[in-house]
Protein backbone atom coordinates (compact mmCIF):
# COMPACT_ATOMS: atom_id res chain seq x y z
CA UNK A 1 17.70 48.53 -10.01
CA UNK A 2 20.45 47.21 -7.49
CA UNK A 3 20.39 43.44 -5.72
CA UNK A 4 20.71 43.79 -1.92
CA UNK A 5 24.06 42.65 -2.36
CA UNK A 6 25.56 45.31 -4.27
CA UNK A 7 26.38 47.81 -2.02
CA UNK A 8 28.32 45.10 0.42
CA UNK A 9 30.69 43.76 -2.31
CA UNK A 10 33.43 45.93 -0.71
CA UNK A 11 33.08 44.67 2.49
CA UNK A 12 32.46 41.16 1.56
CA UNK A 13 35.76 41.37 -0.05
CA UNK A 14 37.70 43.28 2.15
CA UNK A 15 36.61 40.72 4.53
CA UNK A 16 37.73 37.77 2.42
CA UNK A 17 40.64 38.95 1.65
CA UNK A 18 41.97 39.13 5.51
CA UNK A 19 41.00 35.79 6.17
CA UNK A 20 43.36 34.98 2.92
CA UNK A 21 46.26 36.60 4.31
CA UNK A 22 46.09 35.16 7.82
CA UNK A 23 45.53 31.31 6.00
CA UNK A 24 48.35 32.36 4.19
CA UNK A 25 50.81 33.95 6.79
CA UNK A 26 49.58 30.65 9.41
CA UNK A 27 51.58 30.79 12.82
CA UNK A 28 53.27 33.72 11.19
CA UNK A 29 50.41 35.95 11.69
CA UNK A 30 50.27 36.86 15.29
CA UNK A 31 54.57 37.65 14.87
CA UNK A 32 53.51 39.90 11.67
CA UNK A 33 50.69 41.88 13.69
CA UNK A 34 52.08 42.30 17.80
CA UNK A 35 55.41 41.26 17.16
CA UNK A 36 56.10 38.45 20.07
CA UNK A 37 52.85 38.80 21.72
CA UNK A 38 50.24 36.43 20.88
CA UNK A 39 47.45 38.42 20.03
CA UNK A 40 44.39 39.85 18.11
CA UNK A 41 43.70 43.57 17.36
CA UNK A 42 40.39 44.64 19.57
CA UNK A 43 39.31 46.95 16.75
CA UNK A 44 39.18 44.10 14.19
CA UNK A 45 37.38 41.56 16.37
CA UNK A 46 34.93 44.30 17.09
CA UNK A 47 34.48 45.27 13.58
CA UNK A 48 34.33 41.10 12.71
CA UNK A 49 31.66 40.93 15.15
CA UNK A 50 29.72 44.01 14.53
CA UNK A 51 29.86 42.30 10.26
CA UNK A 52 29.14 38.47 11.88
CA UNK A 53 26.23 38.93 14.42
CA UNK A 54 24.62 42.97 13.33
CA UNK A 55 25.51 43.28 9.46
CA UNK A 56 22.63 43.20 7.13
CA UNK A 57 23.95 41.29 4.23
CA UNK A 58 23.88 37.52 4.81
CA UNK A 59 26.82 37.91 2.69
CA UNK A 60 29.29 39.60 4.58
CA UNK A 61 27.71 37.91 7.97
CA UNK A 62 29.58 34.75 6.31
CA UNK A 63 32.33 36.14 5.48
CA UNK A 64 32.97 37.64 8.64
CA UNK A 65 32.58 34.29 9.89
CA UNK A 66 34.96 32.84 7.53
CA UNK A 67 37.62 35.61 9.11
CA UNK A 68 37.25 34.01 12.47
CA UNK A 69 38.06 30.41 11.14
CA UNK A 70 41.16 31.33 9.71
CA UNK A 71 41.94 32.89 13.15
CA UNK A 72 41.79 29.28 14.98
CA UNK A 73 43.56 27.73 12.37
CA UNK A 74 46.35 30.18 13.15
CA UNK A 75 45.88 29.41 16.36
CA UNK A 76 46.00 25.89 15.98
CA UNK A 77 49.09 25.86 13.72
CA UNK A 78 51.27 27.75 16.53
CA UNK A 79 51.67 24.48 18.14
CA UNK A 80 51.96 22.16 15.88
CA UNK A 81 55.68 22.00 16.31
CA UNK A 82 55.27 22.29 19.67
CA UNK A 83 57.11 19.05 20.60
CA UNK A 84 59.93 19.03 18.67
CA UNK A 85 60.85 22.96 20.58
CA UNK A 86 60.66 21.50 24.22
CA UNK A 87 57.03 20.72 23.76
CA UNK A 88 56.20 24.44 25.97
CA UNK A 89 56.97 26.50 23.28
CA UNK A 90 54.67 28.19 20.56
CA UNK A 91 51.42 27.40 23.30
CA UNK A 92 50.55 31.56 24.10
CA UNK A 93 48.49 31.45 20.80
CA UNK A 94 45.83 28.37 21.93
CA UNK A 95 45.09 30.57 24.82
CA UNK A 96 43.22 32.99 23.57
CA UNK A 97 40.73 30.14 22.69
CA UNK A 98 41.25 28.44 26.05
CA UNK A 99 41.05 31.40 28.17
CA UNK A 100 37.54 32.87 29.51
CA UNK A 101 38.63 36.39 29.38
CA UNK A 102 40.24 35.82 25.86
CA UNK A 103 38.83 38.40 23.82
CA UNK A 104 39.00 36.39 20.25
CA UNK A 105 36.83 33.71 22.07
CA UNK A 106 34.27 35.63 23.47
CA UNK A 107 34.04 36.81 19.75
CA UNK A 108 33.86 33.68 18.64
CA UNK A 109 31.31 32.17 21.05
CA UNK A 110 29.25 35.44 20.66
CA UNK A 111 29.33 34.98 16.76
CA UNK A 112 28.28 31.33 17.12
CA UNK A 113 25.66 31.96 19.11
CA UNK A 114 23.92 34.19 16.26
CA UNK A 115 25.26 32.56 13.11
CA UNK A 116 23.91 28.69 14.52
CA UNK A 117 20.85 30.46 14.17
CA UNK A 118 20.68 32.82 11.69
CA UNK A 119 17.98 32.17 9.64
CA UNK A 120 19.85 32.21 6.32
CA UNK A 121 21.17 28.26 5.65
CA UNK A 122 24.33 30.23 4.34
CA UNK A 123 25.08 32.08 7.67
CA UNK A 124 24.04 28.89 9.63
CA UNK A 125 26.31 26.71 7.84
CA UNK A 126 29.12 29.29 7.69
CA UNK A 127 28.58 28.83 11.76
CA UNK A 128 28.54 24.85 12.06
CA UNK A 129 31.94 24.77 10.15
CA UNK A 130 32.84 27.64 12.75
CA UNK A 131 31.82 25.77 15.55
CA UNK A 132 33.64 22.21 14.54
CA UNK A 133 36.89 24.15 14.19
CA UNK A 134 36.53 25.28 17.57
CA UNK A 135 35.61 22.25 19.24
CA UNK A 136 38.51 20.51 17.17
CA UNK A 137 40.97 23.32 17.65
CA UNK A 138 40.26 22.54 21.77
CA UNK A 139 40.57 18.66 21.45
CA UNK A 140 43.40 18.74 19.40
CA UNK A 141 45.36 20.60 22.02
CA UNK A 142 43.87 18.64 24.55
CA UNK A 143 45.28 15.30 23.33
CA UNK A 144 48.54 16.64 22.53
CA UNK A 145 49.04 17.76 25.77
CA UNK A 146 47.16 16.13 28.26
CA UNK A 147 47.60 17.81 31.70
CA UNK A 148 45.32 20.44 30.05
CA UNK A 149 42.69 17.90 30.48
CA UNK A 150 42.94 19.02 34.48
CA UNK A 151 40.92 22.37 33.03
CA UNK A 152 38.85 20.74 30.52
CA UNK A 153 35.58 22.78 32.75
CA UNK A 154 37.51 26.22 31.90
CA UNK A 155 37.70 25.51 28.16
CA UNK A 156 35.65 23.11 26.95
CA UNK A 157 32.81 22.83 29.16
CA UNK A 158 31.93 26.17 29.53
CA UNK A 159 31.22 26.58 26.04
CA UNK A 160 28.44 23.98 25.74
CA UNK A 161 25.07 25.82 27.64
CA UNK A 162 26.01 28.17 24.55
CA UNK A 163 26.65 26.05 21.87
CA UNK A 164 25.27 22.64 22.71
CA UNK A 165 21.65 24.10 22.60
CA UNK A 166 22.12 25.18 18.77
CA UNK A 167 23.88 22.02 17.59
CA UNK A 168 21.11 20.20 19.14
CA UNK A 169 18.70 21.68 16.98
CA UNK A 170 20.33 22.34 13.96
CA UNK A 171 20.23 18.16 13.35
CA UNK A 172 16.38 18.84 12.79
CA UNK A 173 16.79 22.06 10.44
CA UNK A 174 15.17 21.64 7.48
CA UNK A 175 18.77 22.47 5.30
CA UNK A 176 20.20 19.75 4.12
CA UNK A 177 23.81 20.58 3.91
CA UNK A 178 23.05 22.03 7.72
CA UNK A 179 21.63 19.16 9.39
CA UNK A 180 23.98 16.37 7.41
CA UNK A 181 27.10 18.34 8.93
CA UNK A 182 25.50 19.38 12.17
CA UNK A 183 25.20 15.42 12.71
CA UNK A 184 28.33 14.62 11.73
CA UNK A 185 29.87 17.30 14.21
CA UNK A 186 28.09 15.50 17.16
CA UNK A 187 29.43 12.47 16.07
CA UNK A 188 32.95 13.68 15.70
CA UNK A 189 32.61 15.43 19.51
CA UNK A 190 30.94 13.25 21.20
CA UNK A 191 31.13 9.69 19.36
CA UNK A 192 35.04 9.71 18.67
CA UNK A 193 36.45 11.89 21.49
CA UNK A 194 34.22 10.80 24.59
CA UNK A 195 37.21 10.60 26.89
CA UNK A 196 37.96 14.36 25.98
CA UNK A 197 34.22 15.70 25.21
CA UNK A 198 32.57 13.27 27.18
CA UNK A 199 29.03 11.83 26.68
CA UNK A 200 26.33 13.12 24.29
CA UNK A 201 23.59 12.01 26.73
CA UNK A 202 25.75 13.13 29.72
CA UNK A 203 26.50 16.56 28.19
CA UNK A 204 22.82 17.10 26.90
CA UNK A 205 21.71 16.13 30.70
CA UNK A 206 24.14 18.73 32.20
CA UNK A 207 23.12 21.59 30.31
CA UNK A 208 19.23 20.63 30.40
CA UNK A 209 18.56 24.08 31.60
CA UNK A 210 20.08 25.70 28.52
CA UNK A 211 19.23 23.40 26.19
CA UNK A 212 15.32 23.87 27.46
CA UNK A 213 15.44 27.32 27.39
CA UNK A 214 16.64 27.61 24.01
CA UNK A 215 14.14 25.05 22.14
CA UNK A 216 11.20 27.10 24.07
CA UNK A 217 12.33 30.14 22.42
CA UNK A 218 13.09 28.63 19.15
CA UNK A 219 9.13 26.51 19.54
CA UNK A 220 8.01 30.41 18.86
CA UNK A 221 10.42 31.86 16.43
CA UNK A 222 9.04 33.37 13.42
CA UNK A 223 10.36 30.98 11.03
CA UNK A 224 8.32 27.77 10.57
CA UNK A 225 11.34 26.20 9.48
CA UNK A 226 13.03 26.81 13.06
CA UNK A 227 9.79 25.83 15.11
CA UNK A 228 9.76 22.23 13.02
CA UNK A 229 12.91 21.82 14.08
CA UNK A 230 12.46 23.19 17.83
CA UNK A 231 9.70 20.48 18.09
CA UNK A 232 11.28 17.76 16.62
CA UNK A 233 14.38 18.26 19.21
CA UNK A 234 11.80 18.48 22.36
CA UNK A 235 10.72 14.96 20.98
CA UNK A 236 13.90 13.41 20.51
CA UNK A 237 14.93 15.20 24.39
CA UNK A 238 11.93 13.58 26.07
CA UNK A 239 12.65 9.97 23.96
CA UNK A 240 16.39 10.17 24.55
CA UNK A 241 16.89 11.78 28.40
CA UNK A 242 13.11 11.57 29.62
CA UNK A 243 13.46 8.13 29.44
CA UNK A 244 16.99 7.17 30.79
CA UNK A 245 16.96 6.36 34.44
CA UNK A 246 20.14 7.50 34.83
CA UNK A 247 19.48 11.05 33.25
CA UNK A 248 15.83 11.61 33.48
CA UNK A 249 16.12 13.67 36.88
CA UNK A 250 17.81 16.69 34.70
CA UNK A 251 14.59 16.77 32.19
CA UNK A 252 11.85 16.54 34.72
CA UNK A 253 11.87 20.12 36.52
CA UNK A 254 11.32 21.23 32.69
CA UNK A 255 8.61 19.06 31.50
CA UNK A 256 5.74 21.42 32.61
CA UNK A 257 7.42 24.09 30.50
CA UNK A 258 8.00 22.58 27.53
CA UNK A 259 4.42 20.29 27.40
CA UNK A 260 2.98 23.62 27.68
CA UNK A 261 4.94 25.11 24.35
CA UNK A 262 3.97 21.74 22.64
CA UNK A 263 0.67 22.59 22.92
CA UNK A 264 0.57 25.81 21.83
CA UNK A 265 2.68 24.80 18.49
CA UNK A 266 -0.10 21.94 17.96
CA UNK A 267 -3.00 24.74 18.28
CA UNK A 268 -1.05 27.06 16.33
CA UNK A 269 -0.61 24.19 13.40
CA UNK A 270 -4.07 23.48 14.07
CA UNK A 271 -5.27 26.96 13.54
CA UNK A 272 -3.04 27.58 10.15
CA UNK A 273 -4.60 24.13 8.59
CA UNK A 274 -7.98 25.20 9.47
CA UNK A 275 -7.05 28.90 8.02
CA UNK A 276 -5.84 27.48 4.77
CA UNK A 277 -8.90 25.04 4.45
CA UNK A 278 -11.40 28.21 4.94
């Protein structure tokens, strides 16, 4: 009898090997792969996305996420010495994280969309790490090149509808590692980088539609841990946004839907207690 990881050990090892190669190469990785062009092989990205999103084994999904993390670090390393080289040199690699039509950026967002909601805490934690690295890479770049802040809506806030709902909910997730890490990421992003990332309340209010849709979906999830976290997230939304004189109007169109979902979850909880009692 074989355990559920035996058949995937080679793939997991290969993914960590690729990640280690990228980590060791740093900014030179793109030169090694594509000469002077700053790009990532599309077949590699397709394979990584499959491993992170579709593959049945959690260890493989976590290993694939690690490869994307190393790619982000390689992009970040490409502009570390830009000031010493005239300020404009070596900025091309970061465009793969900033431009909406970049294959690497699209792959990262698609992976985060799934990984931040994975039923395995191991994968959810790996996704949380990738999410922080992704945001910190963009914010660090903005601080080094302030002129890029004019395009913030293109490269930063355009990711909010996908990432903010999952980041918010993970602050209530049962696994302590995921919960605490998500809280710390939120503080780093919105408390320490207000000038770049904006206010947390404002960002949530501006993306209330996406957040409410995600909460409603998670309130009906198969995993009871996720449903509990979603209910706590809805309560926070009502408390902090609903009571805000400045931002409550952004939440008002979704109040009825949130109340209906909360009522259904309460009925399900009471039914479970009755079944246990019987």
